Structure formats: C-alpha cells, structure tokens
C-alpha cells in the first residue's frame, strides 16, 4: 500500500515538473515572440524581417519604447518617451552571427539623434568569452558571455559590461557590470513567457 502511494506521488510530481518545463520558451517557440520581465520592466521580443528583434519595453521611469536589435544583441535603434536614437554601423552586423566562443569584433559606428549633429565616430568591441547557464525562473538557458566595450573617438571607455546572450532566443538576458571586482553586479530579467500568454 505504501509503495503504491509513493509511486503515485512521484508520478504526479514528475508530470507536474515536465509540464512546467514544457512552458519554457525554446528556440522554436521564440520565433512567435516572448516576454522577458523583472519588477518594473517588461520587454516583448518579436522577430521581424532581416533577423532583427523588435523589443517593446515598458520601463518604470521611461515609459514605453521600441528597440531594434540585429539577432537580439546590439541595439541599433531606440524610440521612446525620452527621444529617438540610432546607431549606424559602418559594417554589416549580420556577419557577426552566429556568435561562437572566442569570437572578436570591432564595430565603428555613429550615433544619430534628432536635432543633434553626431560627435564623431564611436566603436563597439565584442569579445565572446565563453559559455554559461542562466536561469529565468524555472527555465535554464545556455548563454554566451559577450564582453561589450563602447569607446568614443578619443579611445575613452564610455560603457563596458558583459551581456549574457541566449542564441536560441536571440536576446540578451542580463548584463554583468564590474566583472571580477568586489562591485560585480548582474542586472537581468527574472521571468520569461510566450508572448501569447
């Protein structure tokens, strides 16, 4: 009697965990769109022509904005309540993908904003440092740790972080700042669900 009851409980737990894991967005279901969220931020990801990812974000302090990312990694256009901004690269970003561990690239670009002339060129250096696993709720994703460093025309660093990029989703799930120091922090999404839900 006890063995039968234990088997029934284990079977129910296995079915529940399998059903829950089935709710995770994978490479196939990501093509239909998905939502990444954390408190105060919700971003909808929708594939569009040219392998770009359109993100519709709702941010606590900024409001709603649209962003375009080739393959979901590098933001090339933003239109939000705070204004518009475009990053015009001087090379074809599609040649960077698919990313592989050890890959390196330097992209020269100019930033354009309405009513502001560009202040010279800038560069973005990418270094794919390796593979990791990142958890969103009960879902786990294989990610590439991509070091991104933005510099101005004088070579001064404007921003630097490591993006935790999920190739299956074509989305950066988190950013790691001050890596390897006592101030290291991770700023990332906490949940994922299909767009239809």
N, C-alpha and C. Protein backbone atom coordinates (compact mmCIF):
# COMPACT_ATOMS: atom_id res chain seq x y z
N UNK A 1 0.82 -1.20 0.00
CA UNK A 1 0.00 0.00 0.00
C UNK A 1 0.86 1.25 0.00
N UNK A 2 1.86 1.29 0.88
CA UNK A 2 2.72 2.47 0.95
C UNK A 2 3.50 2.64 -0.34
N UNK A 3 4.00 1.56 -0.94
CA UNK A 3 4.79 1.64 -2.17
C UNK A 3 3.93 2.20 -3.30
N UNK A 4 2.67 1.79 -3.38
CA UNK A 4 1.78 2.28 -4.44
C UNK A 4 1.52 3.77 -4.27
N UNK A 5 1.33 4.22 -3.03
CA UNK A 5 1.08 5.64 -2.77
C UNK A 5 2.31 6.48 -3.12
N UNK A 6 3.47 5.97 -2.76
CA UNK A 6 4.71 6.70 -3.07
C UNK A 6 4.90 6.80 -4.58
N UNK A 7 4.63 5.69 -5.31
CA UNK A 7 4.76 5.71 -6.77
C UNK A 7 3.80 6.72 -7.39
N UNK A 8 2.57 6.80 -6.86
CA UNK A 8 1.60 7.75 -7.39
C UNK A 8 2.06 9.19 -7.16
N UNK A 9 2.59 9.46 -5.97
CA UNK A 9 3.08 10.81 -5.66
C UNK A 9 4.26 11.17 -6.56
N UNK A 10 5.21 10.24 -6.74
CA UNK A 10 6.35 10.50 -7.60
C UNK A 10 5.92 10.73 -9.05
N UNK A 11 4.96 9.94 -9.52
CA UNK A 11 4.46 10.10 -10.88
C UNK A 11 3.80 11.46 -11.06
N UNK A 12 3.03 11.90 -10.07
CA UNK A 12 2.37 13.22 -10.14
C UNK A 12 3.40 14.34 -10.14
N UNK A 13 4.45 14.20 -9.32
CA UNK A 13 5.50 15.22 -9.29
C UNK A 13 6.24 15.28 -10.62
N UNK A 14 6.53 14.12 -11.22
CA UNK A 14 7.23 14.07 -12.49
C UNK A 14 6.39 14.73 -13.58
N UNK A 15 5.09 14.44 -13.61
CA UNK A 15 4.21 15.05 -14.61
C UNK A 15 4.14 16.56 -14.42
N UNK A 16 4.07 17.02 -13.19
CA UNK A 16 3.99 18.46 -12.92
C UNK A 16 5.27 19.15 -13.36
N UNK A 17 6.44 18.56 -13.06
CA UNK A 17 7.69 19.21 -13.45
C UNK A 17 7.88 19.18 -14.95
N UNK A 18 7.43 18.10 -15.62
CA UNK A 18 7.54 18.03 -17.07
C UNK A 18 6.65 19.08 -17.72
N UNK A 19 5.44 19.25 -17.21
CA UNK A 19 4.53 20.25 -17.77
C UNK A 19 5.09 21.64 -17.56
N UNK A 20 5.70 21.88 -16.39
CA UNK A 20 6.25 23.21 -16.12
C UNK A 20 7.43 23.49 -17.04
N UNK A 21 8.31 22.50 -17.22
CA UNK A 21 9.45 22.70 -18.10
C UNK A 21 8.99 22.93 -19.53
N UNK A 22 7.89 22.30 -19.91
CA UNK A 22 7.36 22.48 -21.26
C UNK A 22 6.90 23.92 -21.47
N UNK A 23 6.62 24.67 -20.40
CA UNK A 23 6.19 26.07 -20.52
C UNK A 23 7.33 27.03 -20.82
N UNK A 24 8.58 26.56 -20.79
CA UNK A 24 9.72 27.42 -21.07
C UNK A 24 9.80 27.70 -22.57
N UNK A 25 10.17 28.92 -22.90
CA UNK A 25 10.33 29.31 -24.30
C UNK A 25 11.62 28.68 -24.82
N UNK A 26 11.54 28.02 -25.99
CA UNK A 26 12.73 27.44 -26.60
C UNK A 26 12.98 28.11 -27.95
N UNK A 27 13.96 27.63 -28.69
CA UNK A 27 14.33 28.26 -29.97
C UNK A 27 13.15 28.29 -30.94
N UNK A 28 12.35 27.22 -30.96
CA UNK A 28 11.22 27.16 -31.89
C UNK A 28 10.10 28.12 -31.47
N UNK A 29 9.71 28.08 -30.21
CA UNK A 29 8.61 28.94 -29.77
C UNK A 29 9.02 30.40 -29.68
N UNK A 30 10.33 30.69 -29.58
CA UNK A 30 10.80 32.08 -29.54
C UNK A 30 10.47 32.82 -30.83
N UNK A 31 10.34 32.08 -31.93
CA UNK A 31 10.02 32.70 -33.22
C UNK A 31 8.63 33.34 -33.23
N UNK A 32 7.79 32.94 -32.29
CA UNK A 32 6.45 33.52 -32.18
C UNK A 32 6.43 34.71 -31.23
N UNK A 33 7.54 34.98 -30.58
CA UNK A 33 7.64 36.09 -29.64
C UNK A 33 7.57 35.62 -28.20
N UNK A 34 8.12 36.43 -27.31
CA UNK A 34 8.12 36.10 -25.89
C UNK A 34 8.27 37.38 -25.08
N UNK A 35 8.04 37.25 -23.78
CA UNK A 35 8.11 38.39 -22.87
C UNK A 35 9.14 38.08 -21.78
N UNK A 36 10.09 39.00 -21.61
CA UNK A 36 11.05 38.92 -20.51
C UNK A 36 10.67 40.01 -19.51
N UNK A 37 10.75 39.69 -18.22
CA UNK A 37 10.33 40.68 -17.22
C UNK A 37 11.13 40.56 -15.94
N UNK A 38 11.12 41.66 -15.21
CA UNK A 38 11.59 41.74 -13.83
C UNK A 38 10.79 42.88 -13.22
N UNK A 39 10.81 43.07 -11.92
CA UNK A 39 9.99 44.13 -11.32
C UNK A 39 10.24 45.49 -11.97
N UNK A 40 9.15 46.11 -12.45
CA UNK A 40 9.22 47.44 -13.06
C UNK A 40 9.58 47.46 -14.53
N UNK A 41 9.97 46.31 -15.10
CA UNK A 41 10.39 46.26 -16.51
C UNK A 41 9.77 45.04 -17.18
N UNK A 42 9.20 45.28 -18.34
CA UNK A 42 8.67 44.19 -19.16
C UNK A 42 9.05 44.46 -20.60
N UNK A 43 9.65 43.50 -21.27
CA UNK A 43 10.07 43.66 -22.66
C UNK A 43 9.47 42.54 -23.50
N UNK A 44 8.81 42.94 -24.59
CA UNK A 44 8.27 41.97 -25.55
C UNK A 44 9.26 41.86 -26.70
N UNK A 45 9.60 40.64 -27.07
CA UNK A 45 10.52 40.39 -28.17
C UNK A 45 9.76 39.75 -29.32
N UNK A 46 9.86 40.37 -30.50
CA UNK A 46 9.17 39.87 -31.69
C UNK A 46 10.17 39.86 -32.85
N UNK A 47 10.36 38.71 -33.49
CA UNK A 47 11.23 38.69 -34.67
C UNK A 47 10.58 39.48 -35.80
N UNK A 48 11.39 40.21 -36.55
CA UNK A 48 10.92 40.92 -37.73
C UNK A 48 11.88 40.64 -38.88
N UNK A 49 11.60 41.16 -40.05
CA UNK A 49 12.41 40.89 -41.24
C UNK A 49 13.87 41.23 -41.00
N UNK A 50 14.75 40.49 -41.67
CA UNK A 50 16.18 40.76 -41.58
C UNK A 50 16.81 40.26 -40.31
N UNK A 51 16.18 39.30 -39.62
CA UNK A 51 16.69 38.72 -38.38
C UNK A 51 16.89 39.76 -37.29
N UNK A 52 16.13 40.83 -37.34
CA UNK A 52 16.19 41.80 -36.26
C UNK A 52 15.16 41.42 -35.22
N UNK A 53 15.38 41.84 -34.01
CA UNK A 53 14.43 41.61 -32.94
C UNK A 53 13.88 42.96 -32.54
N UNK A 54 12.57 43.07 -32.57
CA UNK A 54 11.91 44.28 -32.13
C UNK A 54 11.54 44.07 -30.67
N UNK A 55 11.98 44.94 -29.81
CA UNK A 55 11.62 44.87 -28.40
C UNK A 55 10.72 46.02 -28.04
N UNK A 56 9.57 45.72 -27.48
CA UNK A 56 8.68 46.75 -26.97
C UNK A 56 8.81 46.71 -25.47
N UNK A 57 9.42 47.74 -24.91
CA UNK A 57 9.71 47.73 -23.48
C UNK A 57 8.81 48.66 -22.70
N UNK A 58 8.46 48.24 -21.52
CA UNK A 58 7.74 49.09 -20.58
C UNK A 58 8.64 49.24 -19.36
N UNK A 59 9.20 50.42 -19.21
CA UNK A 59 10.13 50.68 -18.12
C UNK A 59 9.47 51.55 -17.07
N UNK A 60 9.82 51.33 -15.83
CA UNK A 60 9.22 52.03 -14.72
C UNK A 60 9.31 53.55 -14.85
N UNK A 61 10.48 54.08 -15.24
CA UNK A 61 10.67 55.53 -15.26
C UNK A 61 10.63 56.12 -16.66
N UNK A 62 10.79 55.30 -17.69
CA UNK A 62 10.91 55.80 -19.06
C UNK A 62 9.61 55.70 -19.83
N UNK A 63 8.76 54.75 -19.49
CA UNK A 63 7.52 54.54 -20.24
C UNK A 63 7.72 53.45 -21.28
N UNK A 64 7.05 53.60 -22.42
CA UNK A 64 7.09 52.58 -23.47
C UNK A 64 8.08 52.99 -24.54
N UNK A 65 8.83 52.04 -25.06
CA UNK A 65 9.77 52.34 -26.13
C UNK A 65 9.97 51.14 -27.03
N UNK A 66 10.33 51.41 -28.28
CA UNK A 66 10.65 50.36 -29.25
C UNK A 66 12.16 50.34 -29.46
N UNK A 67 12.72 49.13 -29.59
CA UNK A 67 14.14 48.97 -29.84
C UNK A 67 14.32 47.92 -30.93
N UNK A 68 15.32 48.11 -31.77
CA UNK A 68 15.64 47.12 -32.80
C UNK A 68 17.05 46.61 -32.55
N UNK A 69 17.18 45.27 -32.54
CA UNK A 69 18.47 44.62 -32.27
C UNK A 69 18.71 43.55 -33.33
N UNK A 70 19.73 43.67 -34.18
CA UNK A 70 20.07 42.56 -35.08
C UNK A 70 20.44 41.33 -34.24
N UNK A 71 19.73 40.24 -34.46
CA UNK A 71 19.94 38.99 -33.73
C UNK A 71 19.79 39.15 -32.23
N UNK A 72 19.20 40.26 -31.79
CA UNK A 72 18.86 40.43 -30.38
C UNK A 72 19.99 40.87 -29.48
N UNK A 73 21.13 41.30 -30.02
CA UNK A 73 22.26 41.64 -29.16
C UNK A 73 22.60 43.13 -29.15
N UNK A 74 22.77 43.74 -30.30
CA UNK A 74 23.26 45.12 -30.39
C UNK A 74 22.10 46.04 -30.74
N UNK A 75 21.81 46.99 -29.88
CA UNK A 75 20.72 47.94 -30.15
C UNK A 75 21.16 48.93 -31.22
N UNK A 76 20.39 48.98 -32.33
CA UNK A 76 20.72 49.92 -33.40
C UNK A 76 19.70 51.05 -33.52
N UNK A 77 18.56 50.91 -32.85
CA UNK A 77 17.56 51.98 -32.91
C UNK A 77 16.70 51.93 -31.65
N UNK A 78 16.39 53.12 -31.12
CA UNK A 78 15.51 53.22 -29.96
C UNK A 78 14.57 54.40 -30.17
N UNK A 79 13.31 54.18 -29.90
CA UNK A 79 12.29 55.24 -29.97
C UNK A 79 11.48 55.12 -28.69
N UNK A 80 11.64 56.09 -27.78
CA UNK A 80 10.94 56.02 -26.50
C UNK A 80 10.45 57.39 -26.10
N UNK A 81 9.83 57.47 -24.94
CA UNK A 81 9.34 58.74 -24.42
C UNK A 81 10.46 59.75 -24.22
N UNK A 82 11.70 59.27 -24.09
CA UNK A 82 12.83 60.17 -23.88
C UNK A 82 13.46 60.61 -25.19
N UNK A 83 13.01 60.08 -26.33
CA UNK A 83 13.52 60.51 -27.63
C UNK A 83 13.95 59.35 -28.49
N UNK A 84 14.48 59.69 -29.66
CA UNK A 84 14.95 58.70 -30.62
C UNK A 84 16.46 58.72 -30.70
N UNK A 85 17.02 57.53 -30.97
CA UNK A 85 18.46 57.43 -31.14
C UNK A 85 18.74 56.25 -32.06
N UNK A 86 19.67 56.44 -32.99
CA UNK A 86 20.05 55.38 -33.91
C UNK A 86 21.57 55.22 -33.87
N UNK A 87 22.00 53.97 -33.95
CA UNK A 87 23.41 53.65 -34.05
C UNK A 87 23.62 53.11 -35.47
N UNK A 88 24.34 53.86 -36.30
CA UNK A 88 24.55 53.47 -37.68
C UNK A 88 25.94 52.85 -37.81
N UNK A 89 26.00 51.51 -37.96
CA UNK A 89 27.32 50.86 -38.07
C UNK A 89 27.88 51.03 -39.48
N UNK A 90 29.20 51.04 -39.58
CA UNK A 90 29.88 51.13 -40.87
C UNK A 90 30.20 49.76 -41.44
N UNK A 91 29.66 48.71 -40.84
CA UNK A 91 29.86 47.35 -41.35
C UNK A 91 28.56 46.57 -41.19
N UNK A 92 28.50 45.42 -41.84
CA UNK A 92 27.30 44.59 -41.83
C UNK A 92 27.28 43.74 -40.55
N UNK A 93 26.38 44.07 -39.62
CA UNK A 93 26.32 43.35 -38.34
C UNK A 93 25.90 41.89 -38.52
N UNK A 94 25.21 41.57 -39.60
CA UNK A 94 24.77 40.19 -39.82
C UNK A 94 25.94 39.22 -39.92
N UNK A 95 27.11 39.73 -40.32
CA UNK A 95 28.28 38.86 -40.47
C UNK A 95 28.82 38.38 -39.12
N UNK A 96 28.38 39.00 -38.03
CA UNK A 96 28.85 38.60 -36.70
C UNK A 96 28.19 37.30 -36.22
N UNK A 97 27.04 36.98 -36.78
CA UNK A 97 26.23 35.88 -36.27
C UNK A 97 26.26 34.70 -37.23
N UNK A 98 26.18 33.47 -36.68
CA UNK A 98 26.03 33.14 -35.26
C UNK A 98 27.35 33.32 -34.51
N UNK A 99 27.23 33.80 -33.28
CA UNK A 99 28.39 34.01 -32.43
C UNK A 99 28.93 32.67 -31.92
N UNK A 100 30.24 32.63 -31.75
CA UNK A 100 30.88 31.43 -31.20
C UNK A 100 31.87 31.87 -30.12
N UNK A 101 32.11 30.99 -29.15
CA UNK A 101 33.07 31.29 -28.09
C UNK A 101 34.42 31.62 -28.72
N UNK A 102 35.06 32.68 -28.23
CA UNK A 102 36.35 33.12 -28.73
C UNK A 102 36.26 34.17 -29.83
N UNK A 103 35.08 34.40 -30.39
CA UNK A 103 34.93 35.38 -31.47
C UNK A 103 35.20 36.79 -30.96
N UNK A 104 35.78 37.63 -31.84
CA UNK A 104 36.07 39.02 -31.51
C UNK A 104 35.66 39.89 -32.70
N UNK A 105 35.21 41.10 -32.41
CA UNK A 105 34.85 42.04 -33.48
C UNK A 105 34.92 43.46 -32.95
N UNK A 106 35.25 44.38 -33.83
CA UNK A 106 35.21 45.80 -33.51
C UNK A 106 34.34 46.47 -34.56
N UNK A 107 33.34 47.21 -34.10
CA UNK A 107 32.37 47.85 -34.98
C UNK A 107 32.47 49.35 -34.80
N UNK A 108 32.72 50.04 -35.88
CA UNK A 108 32.74 51.51 -35.84
C UNK A 108 31.35 51.98 -36.21
N UNK A 109 30.86 53.01 -35.51
CA UNK A 109 29.51 53.49 -35.77
C UNK A 109 29.40 54.97 -35.43
N UNK A 110 28.30 55.55 -35.85
CA UNK A 110 27.97 56.92 -35.50
C UNK A 110 26.59 56.91 -34.86
N UNK A 111 26.40 57.71 -33.82
CA UNK A 111 25.10 57.82 -33.16
C UNK A 111 24.37 59.04 -33.70
N UNK A 112 23.10 58.84 -34.05
CA UNK A 112 22.28 59.92 -34.56
C UNK A 112 21.08 60.13 -33.65
N UNK A 113 20.81 61.39 -33.33
CA UNK A 113 19.62 61.78 -32.57
C UNK A 113 19.01 62.98 -33.27
N UNK A 114 17.68 63.14 -33.19
CA UNK A 114 17.05 64.29 -33.83
C UNK A 114 17.63 65.60 -33.29
N UNK A 115 17.86 66.52 -34.20
CA UNK A 115 18.34 67.87 -33.86
C UNK A 115 19.70 67.93 -33.20
N UNK A 116 20.49 66.84 -33.29
CA UNK A 116 21.84 66.83 -32.72
C UNK A 116 22.80 66.29 -33.77
N UNK A 117 23.81 67.06 -34.14
CA UNK A 117 24.79 66.52 -35.07
C UNK A 117 25.63 65.45 -34.37
N UNK A 118 26.08 64.43 -35.10
CA UNK A 118 26.92 63.41 -34.47
C UNK A 118 28.24 64.00 -33.99
N UNK A 119 28.73 63.47 -32.88
CA UNK A 119 30.00 63.94 -32.30
C UNK A 119 31.13 62.98 -32.67
N UNK A 120 31.30 62.73 -33.95
CA UNK A 120 32.35 61.82 -34.39
C UNK A 120 31.91 60.38 -34.28
N UNK A 121 32.83 59.49 -34.58
CA UNK A 121 32.52 58.07 -34.55
C UNK A 121 32.82 57.48 -33.17
N UNK A 122 32.22 56.32 -32.94
CA UNK A 122 32.46 55.55 -31.72
C UNK A 122 32.76 54.12 -32.14
N UNK A 123 33.25 53.32 -31.21
CA UNK A 123 33.50 51.92 -31.51
C UNK A 123 32.87 51.03 -30.45
N UNK A 124 32.45 49.87 -30.89
CA UNK A 124 31.96 48.82 -30.01
C UNK A 124 32.84 47.61 -30.24
N UNK A 125 33.51 47.16 -29.18
CA UNK A 125 34.32 45.94 -29.25
C UNK A 125 33.56 44.81 -28.59
N UNK A 126 33.47 43.68 -29.28
CA UNK A 126 32.81 42.49 -28.76
C UNK A 126 33.83 41.37 -28.61
N UNK A 127 33.80 40.70 -27.47
CA UNK A 127 34.63 39.52 -27.25
C UNK A 127 33.74 38.46 -26.61
N UNK A 128 33.59 37.33 -27.29
CA UNK A 128 32.78 36.23 -26.74
C UNK A 128 33.69 35.41 -25.85
N UNK A 129 33.50 35.57 -24.53
CA UNK A 129 34.43 34.99 -23.56
C UNK A 129 34.18 33.53 -23.26
N UNK A 130 32.96 33.07 -23.45
CA UNK A 130 32.68 31.67 -23.16
C UNK A 130 31.21 31.40 -23.00
N UNK A 131 30.91 30.17 -22.55
CA UNK A 131 29.53 29.72 -22.39
C UNK A 131 29.20 29.60 -20.91
N UNK A 132 27.93 29.89 -20.60
CA UNK A 132 27.44 29.78 -19.23
C UNK A 132 25.99 29.29 -19.27
N UNK A 133 25.42 29.11 -18.10
CA UNK A 133 23.99 28.81 -17.97
C UNK A 133 23.36 29.92 -17.17
N UNK A 134 22.19 30.38 -17.62
CA UNK A 134 21.48 31.46 -16.94
C UNK A 134 20.06 31.00 -16.67
N UNK A 135 19.56 31.28 -15.47
CA UNK A 135 18.22 30.83 -15.06
C UNK A 135 17.24 32.00 -15.07
N UNK A 136 16.09 31.76 -15.71
CA UNK A 136 14.95 32.69 -15.68
C UNK A 136 13.80 31.94 -15.03
N UNK A 137 13.53 32.20 -13.77
CA UNK A 137 12.51 31.43 -13.06
C UNK A 137 12.92 29.97 -13.04
N UNK A 138 12.04 29.09 -13.53
CA UNK A 138 12.34 27.66 -13.57
C UNK A 138 12.98 27.24 -14.89
N UNK A 139 13.24 28.18 -15.78
CA UNK A 139 13.81 27.88 -17.09
C UNK A 139 15.31 28.16 -17.07
N UNK A 140 16.10 27.27 -17.71
CA UNK A 140 17.54 27.46 -17.81
C UNK A 140 17.91 27.62 -19.28
N UNK A 141 18.85 28.54 -19.54
CA UNK A 141 19.28 28.79 -20.92
C UNK A 141 20.79 28.78 -21.01
N UNK A 142 21.28 28.22 -22.11
CA UNK A 142 22.70 28.31 -22.42
C UNK A 142 22.94 29.69 -23.01
N UNK A 143 23.90 30.40 -22.44
CA UNK A 143 24.19 31.76 -22.90
C UNK A 143 25.67 31.89 -23.22
N UNK A 144 25.96 32.89 -24.04
CA UNK A 144 27.34 33.27 -24.32
C UNK A 144 27.64 34.53 -23.52
N UNK A 145 28.78 34.57 -22.86
CA UNK A 145 29.21 35.77 -22.14
C UNK A 145 29.94 36.65 -23.15
N UNK A 146 29.30 37.78 -23.52
CA UNK A 146 29.83 38.66 -24.56
C UNK A 146 30.25 39.98 -23.92
N UNK A 147 31.54 40.21 -23.86
CA UNK A 147 32.06 41.48 -23.32
C UNK A 147 31.85 42.57 -24.37
N UNK A 148 31.12 43.63 -23.99
CA UNK A 148 30.86 44.76 -24.88
C UNK A 148 31.52 46.00 -24.29
N UNK A 149 32.35 46.67 -25.08
CA UNK A 149 33.02 47.89 -24.64
C UNK A 149 32.79 48.98 -25.67
N UNK A 150 32.16 50.06 -25.24
CA UNK A 150 31.90 51.22 -26.10
C UNK A 150 32.94 52.29 -25.81
N UNK A 151 33.55 52.83 -26.89
CA UNK A 151 34.56 53.89 -26.73
C UNK A 151 34.24 55.04 -27.68
N UNK A 152 34.62 56.25 -27.27
CA UNK A 152 34.45 57.40 -28.15
C UNK A 152 35.63 57.48 -29.12
N UNK A 153 35.62 58.50 -29.98
CA UNK A 153 36.66 58.65 -30.99
C UNK A 153 38.05 58.86 -30.41
N UNK A 154 38.15 59.30 -29.15
CA UNK A 154 39.44 59.51 -28.49
C UNK A 154 39.92 58.26 -27.75
N UNK A 155 39.13 57.16 -27.84
CA UNK A 155 39.53 55.92 -27.19
C UNK A 155 39.13 55.81 -25.73
N UNK A 156 38.36 56.78 -25.24
CA UNK A 156 37.91 56.73 -23.84
C UNK A 156 36.72 55.79 -23.73
N UNK A 157 36.72 54.95 -22.70
CA UNK A 157 35.63 53.99 -22.50
C UNK A 157 34.39 54.74 -22.00
N UNK A 158 33.28 54.55 -22.73
CA UNK A 158 32.01 55.15 -22.36
C UNK A 158 31.16 54.19 -21.54
N UNK A 159 31.24 52.91 -21.85
CA UNK A 159 30.46 51.89 -21.15
C UNK A 159 31.11 50.54 -21.39
N UNK A 160 31.01 49.66 -20.41
CA UNK A 160 31.57 48.33 -20.54
C UNK A 160 30.78 47.37 -19.66
N UNK A 161 30.39 46.24 -20.22
CA UNK A 161 29.64 45.23 -19.48
C UNK A 161 29.75 43.91 -20.22
N UNK A 162 29.32 42.85 -19.58
CA UNK A 162 29.24 41.54 -20.22
C UNK A 162 27.78 41.19 -20.40
N UNK A 163 27.36 41.03 -21.65
CA UNK A 163 25.99 40.62 -21.94
C UNK A 163 25.91 39.10 -21.87
N UNK A 164 24.89 38.59 -21.21
CA UNK A 164 24.63 37.15 -21.18
C UNK A 164 23.57 36.89 -22.25
N UNK A 165 24.05 36.46 -23.41
CA UNK A 165 23.26 36.38 -24.64
C UNK A 165 22.84 34.95 -24.93
N UNK A 166 21.52 34.74 -25.09
CA UNK A 166 20.97 33.42 -25.40
C UNK A 166 20.75 33.31 -26.90
N UNK A 167 21.61 32.60 -27.63
CA UNK A 167 21.44 32.48 -29.08
C UNK A 167 20.11 31.85 -29.48
N UNK A 168 19.61 30.88 -28.70
CA UNK A 168 18.33 30.24 -29.03
C UNK A 168 17.18 31.23 -29.01
N UNK A 169 17.24 32.21 -28.12
CA UNK A 169 16.17 33.21 -28.01
C UNK A 169 16.49 34.46 -28.82
N UNK A 170 17.74 34.63 -29.21
CA UNK A 170 18.24 35.85 -29.82
C UNK A 170 17.91 37.04 -28.92
N UNK A 171 18.37 36.94 -27.68
CA UNK A 171 18.13 38.01 -26.70
C UNK A 171 19.21 37.99 -25.63
N UNK A 172 19.58 39.19 -25.18
CA UNK A 172 20.48 39.32 -24.03
C UNK A 172 19.60 39.25 -22.78
N UNK A 173 19.86 38.28 -21.92
CA UNK A 173 19.03 38.05 -20.75
C UNK A 173 19.49 38.85 -19.54
N UNK A 174 20.74 39.29 -19.55
CA UNK A 174 21.28 40.04 -18.41
C UNK A 174 22.56 40.75 -18.84
N UNK A 175 22.96 41.70 -18.01
CA UNK A 175 24.25 42.37 -18.15
C UNK A 175 24.99 42.26 -16.83
N UNK A 176 26.28 41.95 -16.93
CA UNK A 176 27.12 41.86 -15.74
C UNK A 176 28.08 43.05 -15.78
N UNK A 177 28.09 43.84 -14.71
CA UNK A 177 28.94 45.02 -14.61
C UNK A 177 30.06 44.79 -13.61
N UNK A 178 31.17 45.50 -13.80
CA UNK A 178 32.33 45.44 -12.88
C UNK A 178 32.75 44.01 -12.62
N UNK A 179 32.81 43.24 -13.70
CA UNK A 179 33.12 41.81 -13.59
C UNK A 179 34.47 41.57 -12.94
N UNK A 180 34.50 40.62 -12.03
CA UNK A 180 35.75 40.24 -11.37
C UNK A 180 36.19 41.16 -10.25
N UNK A 181 35.35 42.14 -9.90
CA UNK A 181 35.69 43.06 -8.81
C UNK A 181 34.72 42.85 -7.66
N UNK A 182 34.97 43.53 -6.55
CA UNK A 182 34.07 43.47 -5.40
C UNK A 182 32.74 44.15 -5.67
N UNK A 183 32.68 44.95 -6.74
CA UNK A 183 31.44 45.66 -7.09
C UNK A 183 30.64 44.94 -8.16
N UNK A 184 31.03 43.71 -8.51
CA UNK A 184 30.33 42.99 -9.59
C UNK A 184 28.84 42.89 -9.30
N UNK A 185 28.05 43.16 -10.33
CA UNK A 185 26.59 43.04 -10.19
C UNK A 185 26.00 42.53 -11.50
N UNK A 186 24.86 41.86 -11.38
CA UNK A 186 24.15 41.35 -12.55
C UNK A 186 22.79 42.03 -12.61
N UNK A 187 22.51 42.62 -13.75
CA UNK A 187 21.25 43.31 -13.98
C UNK A 187 20.53 42.55 -15.08
N UNK A 188 19.52 41.74 -14.70
CA UNK A 188 18.91 40.88 -15.71
C UNK A 188 17.43 40.64 -15.50
N UNK A 189 16.85 40.01 -16.49
CA UNK A 189 15.46 39.61 -16.41
C UNK A 189 15.31 38.45 -15.43
N UNK A 190 14.09 38.26 -14.91
CA UNK A 190 13.84 37.21 -13.92
C UNK A 190 12.84 36.17 -14.40
N UNK A 191 11.98 36.52 -15.36
CA UNK A 191 10.98 35.57 -15.84
C UNK A 191 10.87 35.65 -17.36
N UNK A 192 10.36 34.57 -17.95
CA UNK A 192 10.12 34.51 -19.39
C UNK A 192 8.81 33.78 -19.62
N UNK A 193 8.05 34.22 -20.64
CA UNK A 193 6.84 33.50 -21.02
C UNK A 193 6.56 33.77 -22.49
N UNK A 194 5.83 32.87 -23.14
CA UNK A 194 5.48 33.10 -24.53
C UNK A 194 4.65 34.37 -24.67
N UNK A 195 4.74 35.03 -25.79
CA UNK A 195 4.04 36.30 -26.00
C UNK A 195 2.54 36.14 -25.93
N UNK A 196 2.03 35.01 -26.34
CA UNK A 196 0.57 34.81 -26.38
C UNK A 196 -0.07 34.76 -25.01
N UNK A 197 0.70 34.44 -23.98
CA UNK A 197 0.11 34.29 -22.62
C UNK A 197 -0.23 35.62 -22.00
